[in-house]
Structures are given as structure tokens and as C-alpha cells.
Amino acid sequence: MTEAGASYARTRRLAGVHRFERLIGDLTGDQVEALVASLPALEHMAELESQDHEGWKQ
């Protein structure tokens, strides 16, 4: 990837992060707690997805 491409990717990623920050800021306290409680399951799903992708490469 070129430096310009890498810079563009970083900019887009940061824009996504800032968008999520704004969205989370609009949630109620109970909704934020529910979201935080779901993080371990979401992380596990991401790990499973990563393992699936590794299997596809072999």
C-alpha cells in the first residue's frame, strides 16, 4: 500500500471510531452497560471469524 493509501485508510478508520463515539454518547446508561456486557461475546465472535479465515487460506 502506498503512503497515500495508508493515510486514507487511517483517516477512514478514525472517522469510524469518531462516529461510534457519537453514537454511544446518545445511548442511555443502561444501553451502554448492555453494550459493554456484550463485548466478550463480540470479541469471541471476532476470534472465531479470524480462525475461519485462517482455515480458508490453507
C-alpha atoms as a PDB file:
ATOM      1  CA  MET A   1       0.000   0.000   0.000  1.00  0.00           C
ATOM      2  CA  THR A   2       1.277   3.448  -0.797  1.00  0.00           C
ATOM      3  CA  GLU A   3       1.713   6.072   1.908  1.00  0.00           C
ATOM      4  CA  ALA A   4      -1.266   7.941   0.453  1.00  0.00           C
ATOM      5  CA  GLY A   5      -3.354   4.770   0.644  1.00  0.00           C
ATOM      6  CA  ALA A   6      -2.257   4.086   4.210  1.00  0.00           C
ATOM      7  CA  SER A   7      -3.084   7.659   5.174  1.00  0.00           C
ATOM      8  CA  TYR A   8      -6.533   7.342   3.604  1.00  0.00           C
ATOM      9  CA  ALA A   9      -7.160   4.053   5.456  1.00  0.00           C
ATOM     10  CA  ARG A  10      -6.140   5.651   8.782  1.00  0.00           C
ATOM     11  CA  THR A  11      -8.418   8.620   8.139  1.00  0.00           C
ATOM     12  CA  ARG A  12     -11.392   6.375   7.341  1.00  0.00           C
ATOM     13  CA  ARG A  13     -10.745   4.191  10.388  1.00  0.00           C
ATOM     14  CA  LEU A  14     -10.603   7.252  12.667  1.00  0.00           C
ATOM     15  CA  ALA A  15     -13.810   8.593  11.123  1.00  0.00           C
ATOM     16  CA  GLY A  16     -15.497   5.305  12.012  1.00  0.00           C
ATOM     17  CA  VAL A  17     -14.193   5.467  15.566  1.00  0.00           C
ATOM     18  CA  HIS A  18     -15.473   9.020  15.985  1.00  0.00           C
ATOM     19  CA  ARG A  19     -18.871   8.017  14.569  1.00  0.00           C
ATOM     20  CA  PHE A  20     -19.165   5.194  17.122  1.00  0.00           C
ATOM     21  CA  GLU A  21     -18.178   7.587  19.904  1.00  0.00           C
ATOM     22  CA  ARG A  22     -21.013   9.926  18.917  1.00  0.00           C
ATOM     23  CA  LEU A  23     -23.499   7.068  18.656  1.00  0.00           C
ATOM     24  CA  ILE A  24     -22.525   5.637  22.036  1.00  0.00           C
ATOM     25  CA  GLY A  25     -22.872   9.118  23.509  1.00  0.00           C
ATOM     26  CA  ASP A  26     -26.560   9.042  22.514  1.00  0.00           C
ATOM     27  CA  LEU A  27     -27.255   5.806  24.408  1.00  0.00           C
ATOM     28  CA  THR A  28     -28.761   5.611  27.865  1.00  0.00           C
ATOM     29  CA  GLY A  29     -26.653   4.361  30.761  1.00  0.00           C
ATOM     30  CA  ASP A  30     -28.468   1.009  30.686  1.00  0.00           C
ATOM     31  CA  GLN A  31     -27.805   0.676  26.971  1.00  0.00           C
ATOM     32  CA  VAL A  32     -24.111   1.411  27.431  1.00  0.00           C
ATOM     33  CA  GLU A  33     -23.945  -1.199  30.199  1.00  0.00           C
ATOM     34  CA  ALA A  34     -25.618  -3.758  27.920  1.00  0.00           C
ATOM     35  CA  LEU A  35     -23.173  -2.929  25.145  1.00  0.00           C
ATOM     36  CA  VAL A  36     -20.194  -3.308  27.475  1.00  0.00           C
ATOM     37  CA  ALA A  37     -21.581  -6.611  28.771  1.00  0.00           C
ATOM     38  CA  SER A  38     -21.786  -7.905  25.184  1.00  0.00           C
ATOM     39  CA  LEU A  39     -18.132  -7.134  24.402  1.00  0.00           C
ATOM     40  CA  PRO A  40     -16.705 -10.518  25.498  1.00  0.00           C
ATOM     41  CA  ALA A  41     -19.154 -12.326  23.215  1.00  0.00           C
ATOM     42  CA  LEU A  42     -18.359  -9.978  20.322  1.00  0.00           C
ATOM     43  CA  GLU A  43     -14.626 -10.460  20.862  1.00  0.00           C
ATOM     44  CA  HIS A  44     -15.121 -14.230  20.835  1.00  0.00           C
ATOM     45  CA  MET A  45     -17.083 -13.966  17.588  1.00  0.00           C
ATOM     46  CA  ALA A  46     -14.234 -11.966  16.051  1.00  0.00           C
ATOM     47  CA  GLU A  47     -11.759 -14.649  17.140  1.00  0.00           C
ATOM     48  CA  LEU A  48     -13.920 -17.362  15.585  1.00  0.00           C
ATOM     49  CA  GLU A  49     -14.171 -15.358  12.354  1.00  0.00           C
ATOM     50  CA  SER A  50     -10.398 -14.919  12.309  1.00  0.00           C
ATOM     51  CA  GLN A  51      -9.929 -18.672  12.760  1.00  0.00           C
ATOM     52  CA  ASP A  52     -12.336 -19.319   9.887  1.00  0.00           C
ATOM     53  CA  HIS A  53     -10.333 -17.013   7.632  1.00  0.00           C
ATOM     54  CA  GLU A  54      -7.094 -18.771   8.583  1.00  0.00           C
ATOM     55  CA  GLY A  55      -8.679 -22.082   7.586  1.00  0.00           C
ATOM     56  CA  TRP A  56      -9.640 -20.651   4.193  1.00  0.00           C
ATOM     57  CA  LYS A  57      -6.052 -19.640   3.472  1.00  0.00           C
ATOM     58  CA  GLN A  58      -4.695 -23.166   3.975  1.00  0.00           C
END
